[in-house]
Amino acid sequence: MFGIGGGEIFFIILVILMLFGSDKVPEMARTFAKAMSQLKNATNDIKSEIKKSAEESGIADEIKETLNFDIDPTSDIKNEINKTKEDLENITGPIKRQL
């Protein structure tokens, strides 16, 4: 995404102080922190409810069984690397013999 540097953060804080005043900023920060905490708790509650209902209905076991197969995510990459090595050996073989 994008990063916010120190200058941008300072500018944002300066604008907030100018708009709302220094006496209201701590209250706004507490309100924002409380809202973020409530959002986090609600998200965790939703996750646990989904997990609980999936376990009760047996869907979780079906998903585990469906996804329980051996996958080597690096196998395709290894195969391509080996093919490339073989191709390089085929190309460089005659050059090495001449030297």
PDB file of N, CA and C in Angstrom:
ATOM      1  N   MET A   1       0.842  -1.179   0.000  1.00  0.00           N
ATOM      2  CA  MET A   1       0.000   0.000   0.000  1.00  0.00           C
ATOM      3  C   MET A   1       0.890   1.245   0.000  1.00  0.00           C
ATOM      4  N   PHE A   2       0.709   2.085   0.983  1.00  0.00           N
ATOM      5  CA  PHE A   2       1.524   3.281   1.075  1.00  0.00           C
ATOM      6  C   PHE A   2       1.884   3.493   2.535  1.00  0.00           C
ATOM      7  N   GLY A   3       3.008   4.135   2.738  1.00  0.00           N
ATOM      8  CA  GLY A   3       3.462   4.395   4.097  1.00  0.00           C
ATOM      9  C   GLY A   3       3.294   5.860   4.444  1.00  0.00           C
ATOM     10  N   ILE A   4       3.056   6.102   5.685  1.00  0.00           N
ATOM     11  CA  ILE A   4       2.928   7.478   6.154  1.00  0.00           C
ATOM     12  C   ILE A   4       4.196   7.792   6.935  1.00  0.00           C
ATOM     13  N   GLY A   5       4.844   8.832   6.524  1.00  0.00           N
ATOM     14  CA  GLY A   5       6.076   9.243   7.185  1.00  0.00           C
ATOM     15  C   GLY A   5       5.810  10.173   8.353  1.00  0.00           C
ATOM     16  N   GLY A   6       6.888  10.559   9.017  1.00  0.00           N
ATOM     17  CA  GLY A   6       6.778  11.431  10.178  1.00  0.00           C
ATOM     18  C   GLY A   6       6.197  12.797   9.854  1.00  0.00           C
ATOM     19  N   GLY A   7       6.554  13.326   8.680  1.00  0.00           N
ATOM     20  CA  GLY A   7       6.031  14.636   8.284  1.00  0.00           C
ATOM     21  C   GLY A   7       4.528  14.619   8.083  1.00  0.00           C
ATOM     22  N   GLU A   8       4.035  13.542   7.457  1.00  0.00           N
ATOM     23  CA  GLU A   8       2.593  13.441   7.234  1.00  0.00           C
ATOM     24  C   GLU A   8       1.834  13.301   8.544  1.00  0.00           C
ATOM     25  N   ILE A   9       2.373  12.504   9.463  1.00  0.00           N
ATOM     26  CA  ILE A   9       1.717  12.330  10.758  1.00  0.00           C
ATOM     27  C   ILE A   9       1.688  13.653  11.515  1.00  0.00           C
ATOM     28  N   PHE A  10       2.798  14.389  11.497  1.00  0.00           N
ATOM     29  CA  PHE A  10       2.848  15.694  12.156  1.00  0.00           C
ATOM     30  C   PHE A  10       1.810  16.640  11.563  1.00  0.00           C
ATOM     31  N   PHE A  11       1.682  16.652  10.246  1.00  0.00           N
ATOM     32  CA  PHE A  11       0.709  17.516   9.581  1.00  0.00           C
ATOM     33  C   PHE A  11      -0.715  17.142   9.974  1.00  0.00           C
ATOM     34  N   ILE A  12      -1.018  15.839  10.017  1.00  0.00           N
ATOM     35  CA  ILE A  12      -2.361  15.394  10.397  1.00  0.00           C
ATOM     36  C   ILE A  12      -2.670  15.813  11.831  1.00  0.00           C
ATOM     37  N   ILE A  13      -1.706  15.623  12.737  1.00  0.00           N
ATOM     38  CA  ILE A  13      -1.908  16.020  14.133  1.00  0.00           C
ATOM     39  C   ILE A  13      -2.120  17.524  14.241  1.00  0.00           C
ATOM     40  N   LEU A  14      -1.356  18.292  13.478  1.00  0.00           N
ATOM     41  CA  LEU A  14      -1.500  19.744  13.489  1.00  0.00           C
ATOM     42  C   LEU A  14      -2.892  20.168  13.012  1.00  0.00           C
ATOM     43  N   VAL A  15      -3.380  19.554  11.940  1.00  0.00           N
ATOM     44  CA  VAL A  15      -4.720  19.881  11.425  1.00  0.00           C
ATOM     45  C   VAL A  15      -5.787  19.516  12.444  1.00  0.00           C
ATOM     46  N   ILE A  16      -5.658  18.340  13.076  1.00  0.00           N
ATOM     47  CA  ILE A  16      -6.638  17.930  14.089  1.00  0.00           C
ATOM     48  C   ILE A  16      -6.648  18.907  15.252  1.00  0.00           C
ATOM     49  N   LEU A  17      -5.463  19.305  15.700  1.00  0.00           N
ATOM     50  CA  LEU A  17      -5.398  20.281  16.804  1.00  0.00           C
ATOM     51  C   LEU A  17      -6.036  21.603  16.415  1.00  0.00           C
ATOM     52  N   MET A  18      -5.826  22.054  15.179  1.00  0.00           N
ATOM     53  CA  MET A  18      -6.398  23.331  14.739  1.00  0.00           C
ATOM     54  C   MET A  18      -7.917  23.225  14.603  1.00  0.00           C
ATOM     55  N   LEU A  19      -8.414  22.091  14.149  1.00  0.00           N
ATOM     56  CA  LEU A  19      -9.858  21.945  13.946  1.00  0.00           C
ATOM     57  C   LEU A  19     -10.614  21.764  15.261  1.00  0.00           C
ATOM     58  N   PHE A  20     -10.096  20.942  16.165  1.00  0.00           N
ATOM     59  CA  PHE A  20     -10.859  20.563  17.345  1.00  0.00           C
ATOM     60  C   PHE A  20     -10.341  21.172  18.642  1.00  0.00           C
ATOM     61  N   GLY A  21      -9.146  21.662  18.651  1.00  0.00           N
ATOM     62  CA  GLY A  21      -8.587  22.239  19.871  1.00  0.00           C
ATOM     63  C   GLY A  21      -7.950  21.169  20.732  1.00  0.00           C
ATOM     64  N   SER A  22      -7.007  21.603  21.549  1.00  0.00           N
ATOM     65  CA  SER A  22      -6.239  20.660  22.352  1.00  0.00           C
ATOM     66  C   SER A  22      -7.052  20.040  23.487  1.00  0.00           C
ATOM     67  N   ASP A  23      -8.146  20.673  23.876  1.00  0.00           N
ATOM     68  CA  ASP A  23      -8.928  20.128  24.984  1.00  0.00           C
ATOM     69  C   ASP A  23      -9.815  18.961  24.553  1.00  0.00           C
ATOM     70  N   LYS A  24     -10.180  18.875  23.274  1.00  0.00           N
ATOM     71  CA  LYS A  24     -11.059  17.803  22.811  1.00  0.00           C
ATOM     72  C   LYS A  24     -10.305  16.606  22.224  1.00  0.00           C
ATOM     73  N   VAL A  25      -9.040  16.762  21.908  1.00  0.00           N
ATOM     74  CA  VAL A  25      -8.278  15.678  21.266  1.00  0.00           C
ATOM     75  C   VAL A  25      -8.156  14.448  22.159  1.00  0.00           C
ATOM     76  N   PRO A  26      -7.843  14.572  23.463  1.00  0.00           N
ATOM     77  CA  PRO A  26      -7.765  13.357  24.287  1.00  0.00           C
ATOM     78  C   PRO A  26      -9.095  12.594  24.354  1.00  0.00           C
ATOM     79  N   GLU A  27     -10.190  13.340  24.440  1.00  0.00           N
ATOM     80  CA  GLU A  27     -11.506  12.703  24.463  1.00  0.00           C
ATOM     81  C   GLU A  27     -11.787  11.983  23.147  1.00  0.00           C
ATOM     82  N   MET A  28     -11.412  12.603  22.052  1.00  0.00           N
ATOM     83  CA  MET A  28     -11.599  11.969  20.745  1.00  0.00           C
ATOM     84  C   MET A  28     -10.741  10.714  20.626  1.00  0.00           C
ATOM     85  N   ALA A  29      -9.526  10.763  21.141  1.00  0.00           N
ATOM     86  CA  ALA A  29      -8.639   9.604  21.084  1.00  0.00           C
ATOM     87  C   ALA A  29      -9.208   8.455  21.909  1.00  0.00           C
ATOM     88  N   ARG A  30      -9.732   8.752  23.103  1.00  0.00           N
ATOM     89  CA  ARG A  30     -10.349   7.711  23.923  1.00  0.00           C
ATOM     90  C   ARG A  30     -11.565   7.106  23.226  1.00  0.00           C
ATOM     91  N   THR A  31     -12.380   7.960  22.620  1.00  0.00           N
ATOM     92  CA  THR A  31     -13.559   7.477  21.905  1.00  0.00           C
ATOM     93  C   THR A  31     -13.154   6.594  20.740  1.00  0.00           C
ATOM     94  N   PHE A  32     -12.135   7.005  20.011  1.00  0.00           N
ATOM     95  CA  PHE A  32     -11.647   6.211  18.875  1.00  0.00           C
ATOM     96  C   PHE A  32     -11.103   4.871  19.351  1.00  0.00           C
ATOM     97  N   ALA A  33     -10.333   4.878  20.437  1.00  0.00           N
ATOM     98  CA  ALA A  33      -9.770   3.636  20.966  1.00  0.00           C
ATOM     99  C   ALA A  33     -10.875   2.693  21.444  1.00  0.00           C
ATOM    100  N   LYS A  34     -11.904   3.258  22.092  1.00  0.00           N
ATOM    101  CA  LYS A  34     -13.024   2.442  22.552  1.00  0.00           C
ATOM    102  C   LYS A  34     -13.764   1.830  21.362  1.00  0.00           C
ATOM    103  N   ALA A  35     -13.954   2.612  20.307  1.00  0.00           N
ATOM    104  CA  ALA A  35     -14.641   2.103  19.115  1.00  0.00           C
ATOM    105  C   ALA A  35     -13.828   0.996  18.445  1.00  0.00           C
ATOM    106  N   MET A  36     -12.522   1.173  18.380  1.00  0.00           N
ATOM    107  CA  MET A  36     -11.670   0.137  17.782  1.00  0.00           C
ATOM    108  C   MET A  36     -11.709  -1.139  18.618  1.00  0.00           C
ATOM    109  N   SER A  37     -11.725  -0.994  19.939  1.00  0.00           N
ATOM    110  CA  SER A  37     -11.812  -2.153  20.819  1.00  0.00           C
ATOM    111  C   SER A  37     -13.135  -2.890  20.629  1.00  0.00           C
ATOM    112  N   GLN A  38     -14.225  -2.148  20.532  1.00  0.00           N
ATOM    113  CA  GLN A  38     -15.529  -2.761  20.307  1.00  0.00           C
ATOM    114  C   GLN A  38     -15.580  -3.459  18.954  1.00  0.00           C
ATOM    115  N   LEU A  39     -14.981  -2.856  17.942  1.00  0.00           N
ATOM    116  CA  LEU A  39     -14.940  -3.468  16.617  1.00  0.00           C
ATOM    117  C   LEU A  39     -14.142  -4.766  16.650  1.00  0.00           C
ATOM    118  N   LYS A  40     -13.017  -4.761  17.354  1.00  0.00           N
ATOM    119  CA  LYS A  40     -12.198  -5.968  17.476  1.00  0.00           C
ATOM    120  C   LYS A  40     -12.969  -7.068  18.202  1.00  0.00           C
ATOM    121  N   ASN A  41     -13.651  -6.714  19.285  1.00  0.00           N
ATOM    122  CA  ASN A  41     -14.439  -7.706  20.026  1.00  0.00           C
ATOM    123  C   ASN A  41     -15.574  -8.262  19.176  1.00  0.00           C
ATOM    124  N   ALA A  42     -16.244  -7.388  18.423  1.00  0.00           N
ATOM    125  CA  ALA A  42     -17.330  -7.845  17.557  1.00  0.00           C
ATOM    126  C   ALA A  42     -16.807  -8.785  16.484  1.00  0.00           C
ATOM    127  N   THR A  43     -15.661  -8.478  15.918  1.00  0.00           N
ATOM    128  CA  THR A  43     -15.063  -9.335  14.900  1.00  0.00           C
ATOM    129  C   THR A  43     -14.714 -10.697  15.477  1.00  0.00           C
ATOM    130  N   ASN A  44     -14.137 -10.702  16.678  1.00  0.00           N
ATOM    131  CA  ASN A  44     -13.810 -11.974  17.331  1.00  0.00           C
ATOM    132  C   ASN A  44     -15.061 -12.778  17.652  1.00  0.00           C
ATOM    133  N   ASP A  45     -16.132 -12.099  18.073  1.00  0.00           N
ATOM    134  CA  ASP A  45     -17.396 -12.787  18.348  1.00  0.00           C
ATOM    135  C   ASP A  45     -17.959 -13.427  17.088  1.00  0.00           C
ATOM    136  N   ILE A  46     -17.906 -12.696  15.985  1.00  0.00           N
ATOM    137  CA  ILE A  46     -18.419 -13.227  14.721  1.00  0.00           C
ATOM    138  C   ILE A  46     -17.605 -14.438  14.283  1.00  0.00           C
ATOM    139  N   LYS A  47     -16.277 -14.347  14.398  1.00  0.00           N
ATOM    140  CA  LYS A  47     -15.415 -15.479  14.042  1.00  0.00           C
ATOM    141  C   LYS A  47     -15.746 -16.703  14.881  1.00  0.00           C
ATOM    142  N   SER A  48     -15.904 -16.498  16.190  1.00  0.00           N
ATOM    143  CA  SER A  48     -16.185 -17.643  17.065  1.00  0.00           C
ATOM    144  C   SER A  48     -17.558 -18.229  16.772  1.00  0.00           C
ATOM    145  N   GLU A  49     -18.543 -17.406  16.455  1.00  0.00           N
ATOM    146  CA  GLU A  49     -19.876 -17.908  16.108  1.00  0.00           C
ATOM    147  C   GLU A  49     -19.846 -18.726  14.819  1.00  0.00           C
ATOM    148  N   ILE A  50     -19.111 -18.251  13.844  1.00  0.00           N
ATOM    149  CA  ILE A  50     -18.997 -18.983  12.578  1.00  0.00           C
ATOM    150  C   ILE A  50     -18.309 -20.322  12.824  1.00  0.00           C
ATOM    151  N   LYS A  51     -17.235 -20.297  13.595  1.00  0.00           N
ATOM    152  CA  LYS A  51     -16.511 -21.534  13.892  1.00  0.00           C
ATOM    153  C   LYS A  51     -17.392 -22.499  14.670  1.00  0.00           C
ATOM    154  N   LYS A  52     -18.120 -21.989  15.649  1.00  0.00           N
ATOM    155  CA  LYS A  52     -18.993 -22.824  16.475  1.00  0.00           C
ATOM    156  C   LYS A  52     -20.102 -23.449  15.634  1.00  0.00           C
ATOM    157  N   SER A  53     -20.736 -22.666  14.779  1.00  0.00           N
ATOM    158  CA  SER A  53     -21.817 -23.211  13.955  1.00  0.00           C
ATOM    159  C   SER A  53     -21.286 -24.196  12.924  1.00  0.00           C
ATOM    160  N   ALA A  54     -20.077 -23.972  12.426  1.00  0.00           N
ATOM    161  CA  ALA A  54     -19.483 -24.913  11.474  1.00  0.00           C
ATOM    162  C   ALA A  54     -19.169 -26.237  12.160  1.00  0.00           C
ATOM    163  N   GLU A  55     -18.692 -26.175  13.392  1.00  0.00           N
ATOM    164  CA  GLU A  55     -18.397 -27.402  14.135  1.00  0.00           C
ATOM    165  C   GLU A  55     -19.675 -28.160  14.480  1.00  0.00           C
ATOM    166  N   GLU A  56     -20.733 -27.427  14.859  1.00  0.00           N
ATOM    167  CA  GLU A  56     -21.996 -28.068  15.213  1.00  0.00           C
ATOM    168  C   GLU A  56     -22.649 -28.749  14.019  1.00  0.00           C
ATOM    169  N   SER A  57     -22.548 -28.134  12.860  1.00  0.00           N
ATOM    170  CA  SER A  57     -23.201 -28.707  11.682  1.00  0.00           C
ATOM    171  C   SER A  57     -22.336 -29.748  10.981  1.00  0.00           C
ATOM    172  N   GLY A  58     -21.099 -29.909  11.406  1.00  0.00           N
ATOM    173  CA  GLY A  58     -20.223 -30.911  10.805  1.00  0.00           C
ATOM    174  C   GLY A  58     -19.508 -30.427   9.560  1.00  0.00           C
ATOM    175  N   ILE A  59     -19.716 -29.193   9.207  1.00  0.00           N
ATOM    176  CA  ILE A  59     -19.063 -28.650   8.016  1.00  0.00           C
ATOM    177  C   ILE A  59     -17.555 -28.574   8.223  1.00  0.00           C
ATOM    178  N   ALA A  60     -17.139 -28.286   9.446  1.00  0.00           N
ATOM    179  CA  ALA A  60     -15.704 -28.157   9.720  1.00  0.00           C
ATOM    180  C   ALA A  60     -14.986 -29.465   9.429  1.00  0.00           C
ATOM    181  N   ASP A  61     -15.590 -30.597   9.828  1.00  0.00           N
ATOM    182  CA  ASP A  61     -14.966 -31.894   9.555  1.00  0.00           C
ATOM    183  C   ASP A  61     -14.900 -32.171   8.064  1.00  0.00           C
ATOM    184  N   GLU A  62     -15.975 -31.825   7.352  1.00  0.00           N
ATOM    185  CA  GLU A  62     -15.979 -32.031   5.901  1.00  0.00           C
ATOM    186  C   GLU A  62     -14.904 -31.195   5.222  1.00  0.00           C
ATOM    187  N   ILE A  63     -14.737 -29.971   5.681  1.00  0.00           N
ATOM    188  CA  ILE A  63     -13.713 -29.094   5.104  1.00  0.00           C
ATOM    189  C   ILE A  63     -12.332 -29.664   5.379  1.00  0.00           C
ATOM    190  N   LYS A  64     -12.109 -30.136   6.617  1.00  0.00           N
ATOM    191  CA  LYS A  64     -10.817 -30.725   6.959  1.00  0.00           C
ATOM    192  C   LYS A  64     -10.540 -31.951   6.100  1.00  0.00           C
ATOM    193  N   GLU A  65     -11.563 -32.796   5.897  1.00  0.00           N
ATOM    194  CA  GLU A  65     -11.376 -33.993   5.075  1.00  0.00           C
ATOM    195  C   GLU A  65     -11.113 -33.617   3.628  1.00  0.00           C
ATOM    196  N   THR A  66     -11.821 -32.620   3.149  1.00  0.00           N
ATOM    197  CA  THR A  66     -11.643 -32.191   1.764  1.00  0.00           C
ATOM    198  C   THR A  66     -10.257 -31.608   1.548  1.00  0.00           C
ATOM    199  N   LEU A  67      -9.792 -30.843   2.505  1.00  0.00           N
ATOM    200  CA  LEU A  67      -8.498 -30.187   2.367  1.00  0.00           C
ATOM    201  C   LEU A  67      -7.335 -31.043   2.843  1.00  0.00           C
ATOM    202  N   ASN A  68      -7.626 -32.233   3.352  1.00  0.00           N
ATOM    203  CA  ASN A  68      -6.566 -33.083   3.890  1.00  0.00           C
ATOM    204  C   ASN A  68      -5.950 -33.925   2.776  1.00  0.00           C
ATOM    205  N   PHE A  69      -5.149 -33.323   1.960  1.00  0.00           N
ATOM    206  CA  PHE A  69      -4.393 -34.046   0.953  1.00  0.00           C
ATOM    207  C   PHE A  69      -3.020 -33.428   0.866  1.00  0.00           C
ATOM    208  N   ASP A  70      -2.071 -34.239   0.441  1.00  0.00           N
ATOM    209  CA  ASP A  70      -0.686 -33.795   0.436  1.00  0.00           C
ATOM    210  C   ASP A  70      -0.443 -32.827  -0.715  1.00  0.00           C
ATOM    211  N   ILE A  71      -0.031 -31.656  -0.342  1.00  0.00           N
ATOM    212  CA  ILE A  71       0.312 -30.636  -1.333  1.00  0.00           C
ATOM    213  C   ILE A  71       1.719 -30.164  -1.021  1.00  0.00           C
ATOM    214  N   ASP A  72       2.551 -30.190  -2.042  1.00  0.00           N
ATOM    215  CA  ASP A  72       3.884 -29.626  -1.897  1.00  0.00           C
ATOM    216  C   ASP A  72       3.920 -28.386  -2.776  1.00  0.00           C
ATOM    217  N   PRO A  73       3.742 -27.212  -2.185  1.00  0.00           N
ATOM    218  CA  PRO A  73       3.667 -26.004  -3.004  1.00  0.00           C
ATOM    219  C   PRO A  73       4.959 -25.699  -3.745  1.00  0.00           C
ATOM    220  N   THR A  74       6.047 -26.308  -3.309  1.00  0.00           N
ATOM    221  CA  THR A  74       7.316 -26.036  -3.974  1.00  0.00           C
ATOM    222  C   THR A  74       7.626 -27.032  -5.083  1.00  0.00           C
ATOM    223  N   SER A  75       6.794 -28.055  -5.236  1.00  0.00           N
ATOM    224  CA  SER A  75       7.108 -29.089  -6.232  1.00  0.00           C
ATOM    225  C   SER A  75       7.134 -28.518  -7.648  1.00  0.00           C
ATOM    226  N   ASP A  76       6.176 -27.668  -7.989  1.00  0.00           N
ATOM    227  CA  ASP A  76       6.153 -27.069  -9.325  1.00  0.00           C
ATOM    228  C   ASP A  76       7.388 -26.208  -9.549  1.00  0.00           C
ATOM    229  N   ILE A  77       7.761 -25.472  -8.534  1.00  0.00           N
ATOM    230  CA  ILE A  77       8.942 -24.603  -8.654  1.00  0.00           C
ATOM    231  C   ILE A  77      10.201 -25.448  -8.818  1.00  0.00           C
ATOM    232  N   LYS A  78      10.306 -26.514  -8.019  1.00  0.00           N
ATOM    233  CA  LYS A  78      11.465 -27.399  -8.114  1.00  0.00           C
ATOM    234  C   LYS A  78      11.550 -28.027  -9.505  1.00  0.00           C
ATOM    235  N   ASN A  79      10.398 -28.461 -10.043  1.00  0.00           N
ATOM    236  CA  ASN A  79      10.387 -29.057 -11.381  1.00  0.00           C
ATOM    237  C   ASN A  79      10.870 -28.060 -12.429  1.00  0.00           C
ATOM    238  N   GLU A  80      10.419 -26.827 -12.334  1.00  0.00           N
ATOM    239  CA  GLU A  80      10.836 -25.807 -13.298  1.00  0.00           C
ATOM    240  C   GLU A  80      12.328 -25.507 -13.167  1.00  0.00           C
ATOM    241  N   ILE A  81      12.818 -25.473 -11.938  1.00  0.00           N
ATOM    242  CA  ILE A  81      14.248 -25.228 -11.731  1.00  0.00           C
ATOM    243  C   ILE A  81      15.073 -26.362 -12.324  1.00  0.00           C
ATOM    244  N   ASN A  82      14.631 -27.589 -12.099  1.00  0.00           N
ATOM    245  CA  ASN A  82      15.350 -28.740 -12.660  1.00  0.00           C
ATOM    246  C   ASN A  82      15.343 -28.715 -14.192  1.00  0.00           C
ATOM    247  N   LYS A  83      14.195 -28.353 -14.791  1.00  0.00           N
ATOM    248  CA  LYS A  83      14.123 -28.250 -16.252  1.00  0.00           C
ATOM    249  C   LYS A  83      15.080 -27.180 -16.760  1.00  0.00           C
ATOM    250  N   THR A  84      15.131 -26.057 -16.055  1.00  0.00           N
ATOM    251  CA  THR A  84      16.020 -24.974 -16.458  1.00  0.00           C
ATOM    252  C   THR A  84      17.478 -25.392 -16.333  1.00  0.00           C
ATOM    253  N   LYS A  85      17.807 -26.126 -15.261  1.00  0.00           N
ATOM    254  CA  LYS A  85      19.177 -26.623 -15.099  1.00  0.00           C
ATOM    255  C   LYS A  85      19.550 -27.560 -16.244  1.00  0.00           C
ATOM    256  N   GLU A  86      18.625 -28.447 -16.610  1.00  0.00           N
ATOM    257  CA  GLU A  86      18.888 -29.368 -17.714  1.00  0.00           C
ATOM    258  C   GLU A  86      19.090 -28.611 -19.021  1.00  0.00           C
ATOM    259  N   ASP A  87      18.256 -27.607 -19.250  1.00  0.00           N
ATOM    260  CA  ASP A  87      18.397 -26.802 -20.464  1.00  0.00           C
ATOM    261  C   ASP A  87      19.741 -26.089 -20.488  1.00  0.00           C
ATOM    262  N   LEU A  88      20.150 -25.537 -19.350  1.00  0.00           N
ATOM    263  CA  LEU A  88      21.444 -24.871 -19.274  1.00  0.00           C
ATOM    264  C   LEU A  88      22.589 -25.851 -19.490  1.00  0.00           C
ATOM    265  N   GLU A  89      22.466 -27.044 -18.950  1.00  0.00           N
ATOM    266  CA  GLU A  89      23.494 -28.066 -19.162  1.00  0.00           C
ATOM    267  C   GLU A  89      23.574 -28.434 -20.643  1.00  0.00           C
ATOM    268  N   ASN A  90      22.426 -28.544 -21.291  1.00  0.00           N
ATOM    269  CA  ASN A  90      22.409 -28.869 -22.715  1.00  0.00           C
ATOM    270  C   ASN A  90      23.044 -27.753 -23.550  1.00  0.00           C
ATOM    271  N   ILE A  91      22.812 -26.517 -23.133  1.00  0.00           N
ATOM    272  CA  ILE A  91      23.363 -25.380 -23.882  1.00  0.00           C
ATOM    273  C   ILE A  91      24.849 -25.210 -23.593  1.00  0.00           C
ATOM    274  N   THR A  92      25.229 -25.290 -22.328  1.00  0.00           N
ATOM    275  CA  THR A  92      26.618 -25.027 -21.947  1.00  0.00           C
ATOM    276  C   THR A  92      27.527 -26.241 -22.099  1.00  0.00           C
ATOM    277  N   GLY A  93      26.951 -27.423 -22.281  1.00  0.00           N
ATOM    278  CA  GLY A  93      27.760 -28.624 -22.423  1.00  0.00           C
ATOM    279  C   GLY A  93      28.767 -28.522 -23.547  1.00  0.00           C
ATOM    280  N   PRO A  94      28.334 -28.195 -24.777  1.00  0.00           N
ATOM    281  CA  PRO A  94      29.304 -28.073 -25.866  1.00  0.00           C
ATOM    282  C   PRO A  94      30.321 -26.958 -25.632  1.00  0.00           C
ATOM    283  N   ILE A  95      29.910 -25.898 -24.964  1.00  0.00           N
ATOM    284  CA  ILE A  95      30.849 -24.783 -24.712  1.00  0.00           C
ATOM    285  C   ILE A  95      31.909 -25.230 -23.727  1.00  0.00           C
ATOM    286  N   LYS A  96      31.538 -25.978 -22.694  1.00  0.00           N
ATOM    287  CA  LYS A  96      32.509 -26.453 -21.698  1.00  0.00           C
ATOM    288  C   LYS A  96      33.508 -27.421 -22.356  1.00  0.00           C
ATOM    289  N   ARG A  97      33.030 -28.243 -23.273  1.00  0.00           N
ATOM    290  CA  ARG A  97      33.910 -29.226 -23.918  1.00  0.00           C
ATOM    291  C   ARG A  97      34.950 -28.539 -24.786  1.00  0.00           C
ATOM    292  N   GLN A  98      34.600 -27.395 -25.379  1.00  0.00           N
ATOM    293  CA  GLN A  98      35.534 -26.694 -26.245  1.00  0.00           C
ATOM    294  C   GLN A  98      36.636 -26.004 -25.458  1.00  0.00           C
ATOM    295  N   LEU A  99      36.337 -25.657 -24.227  1.00  0.00           N
ATOM    296  CA  LEU A  99      37.327 -24.953 -23.403  1.00  0.00           C
ATOM    297  C   LEU A  99      38.262 -25.965 -22.874  1.00  0.00           C
TER     298      LEU A  99
END
